[in-house]
Amino acid sequence: MSNKENKDLWGEKRLVSSLKEGQEEAFRVLIRRYQGKLFSIAYGITLDREESLDIVQDVFLKVYRSIHKFRGESSLSTWLYRITVNTCLNWQRRWKRRFRWHHRPLETDETGASSELRTDDHDSEKLYEQKELERRMWDNLKTLPEEARAVFVLKEVEGLSYDEIAET
């Protein structure tokens, strides 16, 4: 079954109805449809891969336990994004004192040269510039307040409109 056929078969209203009935297949569809987006949001806020994976798992558990509270006043995706952002912000407040920003340094060999930069072609300088730009972007992202970082991730990573962000 193609992704479009699956999406048509599991339209939002049917998916929500099936989730509220506790149908396992509906939860599998929900996870397949949203886990990547929720991980992107969580990672953009926490900047920690393992914590983001835990947060997404926690979000799906919260959805399982509280789907009956979903009234449909917003879209299912907006509700999921809101739960994800709130879970991330709660995680950050809980771990604020012990929180340490993680970054991936370029791996080096015994000579101190970056293994990612060792190449025979002329792309090594571009790769280095790209890595440096990425590092600066993440460093700057870390300085934003939690709520501003959440808005940035929803806009730039997830491509939501400002109206959708405000609803979330």
Protein backbone atom coordinates (compact mmCIF):
# COMPACT_ATOMS: atom_id res chain seq x y z
CA MET A 1 0.00 0.00 0.00
CA SER A 2 1.43 3.38 -0.98
CA ASN A 3 1.95 6.14 1.56
CA LYS A 4 -0.86 8.20 -0.06
CA GLU A 5 -3.26 5.25 0.04
CA ASN A 6 -2.33 4.65 3.68
CA LYS A 7 -2.91 8.34 4.50
CA ASP A 8 -6.28 8.28 2.70
CA LEU A 9 -7.25 5.09 4.51
CA TRP A 10 -6.20 6.62 7.81
CA GLY A 11 -7.56 10.15 7.51
CA GLU A 12 -7.23 12.25 10.64
CA LYS A 13 -10.82 11.77 11.83
CA ARG A 14 -10.67 8.00 11.38
CA LEU A 15 -7.23 7.83 12.98
CA VAL A 16 -8.40 9.80 16.03
CA SER A 17 -11.55 7.71 16.31
CA SER A 18 -9.53 4.48 16.05
CA LEU A 19 -7.00 5.75 18.60
CA LYS A 20 -9.81 6.52 21.02
CA GLU A 21 -11.11 2.97 20.52
CA GLY A 22 -7.65 1.67 21.44
CA GLN A 23 -6.91 0.02 18.09
CA GLU A 24 -3.28 -1.07 17.95
CA GLU A 25 -2.96 -0.53 14.20
CA ALA A 26 -4.01 3.09 14.66
CA PHE A 27 -1.16 3.61 17.13
CA ARG A 28 1.28 2.05 14.68
CA VAL A 29 0.05 4.45 11.98
CA LEU A 30 0.35 7.39 14.39
CA ILE A 31 3.92 6.47 15.27
CA ARG A 32 4.97 5.91 11.64
CA ARG A 33 3.38 9.18 10.58
CA TYR A 34 4.72 11.44 13.34
CA GLN A 35 7.82 10.00 15.01
CA GLY A 36 10.27 11.70 12.62
CA LYS A 37 8.66 15.11 12.96
CA LEU A 38 8.39 14.85 16.73
CA PHE A 39 12.03 13.78 16.97
CA SER A 40 13.08 16.78 14.88
CA ILE A 41 11.21 19.12 17.20
CA ALA A 42 12.58 17.47 20.34
CA TYR A 43 16.16 17.44 19.03
CA GLY A 44 15.91 21.03 17.92
CA ILE A 45 14.93 22.03 21.44
CA THR A 46 17.08 19.71 23.55
CA LEU A 47 20.04 19.29 21.18
CA ASP A 48 20.48 15.84 22.69
CA ARG A 49 19.75 12.75 20.59
CA GLU A 50 19.16 10.27 23.42
CA GLU A 51 16.97 12.64 25.42
CA SER A 52 15.01 13.44 22.25
CA LEU A 53 14.35 9.75 21.65
CA ASP A 54 13.14 9.40 25.25
CA ILE A 55 10.95 12.49 24.90
CA VAL A 56 9.30 11.19 21.72
CA GLN A 57 8.61 7.88 23.44
CA ASP A 58 7.15 9.80 26.38
CA VAL A 59 4.97 11.86 24.02
CA PHE A 60 3.49 8.73 22.45
CA LEU A 61 2.84 7.32 25.91
CA LYS A 62 1.06 10.57 26.89
CA VAL A 63 -1.00 10.39 23.71
CA TYR A 64 -1.95 6.79 24.44
CA ARG A 65 -3.07 7.74 27.95
CA SER A 66 -4.88 10.96 27.03
CA ILE A 67 -6.21 10.56 23.47
CA HIS A 68 -9.72 10.55 24.92
CA LYS A 69 -9.11 14.19 25.97
CA PHE A 70 -8.39 15.26 22.38
CA ARG A 71 -11.41 17.35 21.37
CA GLY A 72 -10.39 18.12 17.79
CA GLU A 73 -10.32 21.89 18.33
CA SER A 74 -6.92 21.83 16.61
CA SER A 75 -5.41 19.33 14.21
CA LEU A 76 -3.92 16.14 15.58
CA SER A 77 -0.45 17.26 14.45
CA THR A 78 -0.80 20.57 16.31
CA TRP A 79 -1.83 18.70 19.46
CA LEU A 80 1.16 16.36 19.10
CA TYR A 81 3.55 19.28 18.51
CA ARG A 82 2.19 21.05 21.60
CA ILE A 83 2.70 17.94 23.74
CA THR A 84 6.23 17.55 22.35
CA VAL A 85 7.22 21.17 22.96
CA ASN A 86 5.78 21.13 26.47
CA THR A 87 7.52 17.83 27.26
CA CYS A 88 10.82 19.27 26.04
CA LEU A 89 10.43 22.48 28.03
CA ASN A 90 9.53 20.50 31.16
CA TRP A 91 12.57 18.28 30.58
CA GLN A 92 14.81 21.33 30.31
CA ARG A 93 13.42 22.93 33.46
CA ARG A 94 13.82 19.66 35.36
CA TRP A 95 17.42 19.20 34.26
CA LYS A 96 18.47 22.86 34.09
CA ARG A 97 21.17 22.59 36.75
CA ARG A 98 22.65 19.40 35.39
CA PHE A 99 22.09 20.25 31.74
CA ARG A 100 25.20 20.35 29.63
CA TRP A 101 25.08 21.16 25.98
CA HIS A 102 26.45 18.38 23.85
CA HIS A 103 28.15 18.84 20.55
CA ARG A 104 29.84 16.42 18.26
CA PRO A 105 33.45 17.42 17.78
CA LEU A 106 35.07 16.49 14.53
CA GLU A 107 36.69 13.11 15.06
CA THR A 108 40.43 13.20 14.75
CA ASP A 109 43.06 10.57 14.12
CA GLU A 110 46.36 10.24 15.96
CA THR A 111 47.84 13.13 13.96
CA GLY A 112 45.05 15.45 15.00
CA ALA A 113 43.62 15.63 11.48
CA SER A 114 39.87 15.28 11.14
CA SER A 115 38.84 11.92 9.73
CA GLU A 116 35.89 13.62 8.05
CA LEU A 117 38.20 16.09 6.39
CA ARG A 118 40.69 13.55 5.02
CA THR A 119 39.93 13.33 1.33
CA ASP A 120 41.84 13.40 -1.90
CA ASP A 121 39.56 15.85 -3.64
CA HIS A 122 39.13 19.56 -3.07
CA ASP A 123 35.93 19.23 -1.05
CA SER A 124 37.70 19.17 2.30
CA GLU A 125 37.67 22.95 2.64
CA LYS A 126 33.94 23.10 1.83
CA LEU A 127 33.26 20.29 4.30
CA TYR A 128 35.19 22.13 7.00
CA GLU A 129 33.31 25.37 6.29
CA GLN A 130 30.01 23.50 6.41
CA LYS A 131 30.91 21.86 9.73
CA GLU A 132 32.04 25.21 11.15
CA LEU A 133 28.81 26.87 10.03
CA GLU A 134 26.79 24.03 11.58
CA ARG A 135 28.75 24.33 14.83
CA ARG A 136 28.18 28.10 14.99
CA MET A 137 24.49 27.66 14.24
CA TRP A 138 24.09 25.12 17.08
CA ASP A 139 26.13 27.34 19.42
CA ASN A 140 23.85 30.28 18.65
CA LEU A 141 20.74 28.13 18.94
CA LYS A 142 21.85 27.14 22.46
CA THR A 143 21.81 30.80 23.55
CA LEU A 144 18.13 31.27 22.71
CA PRO A 145 15.60 31.01 25.52
CA GLU A 146 13.68 27.72 25.50
CA GLU A 147 10.47 29.15 24.06
CA ALA A 148 12.29 31.03 21.30
CA ARG A 149 14.21 27.88 20.38
CA ALA A 150 10.93 25.97 20.18
CA VAL A 151 9.49 28.60 17.83
CA PHE A 152 12.65 28.54 15.70
CA VAL A 153 12.54 24.75 15.38
CA LEU A 154 8.83 24.71 14.53
CA LYS A 155 9.35 27.40 11.86
CA GLU A 156 12.70 26.51 10.31
CA VAL A 157 12.93 22.75 10.85
CA GLU A 158 9.27 21.76 10.61
CA GLY A 159 8.20 24.56 8.25
CA LEU A 160 5.07 25.49 10.20
CA SER A 161 3.34 28.79 9.51
CA TYR A 162 3.23 31.43 12.22
CA ASP A 163 -0.47 30.69 12.72
CA GLU A 164 0.31 27.00 13.25
CA ILE A 165 3.12 27.89 15.66
CA ALA A 166 0.80 30.20 17.60
CA GLU A 167 -1.80 27.43 17.78
CA THR A 168 0.85 24.99 18.99
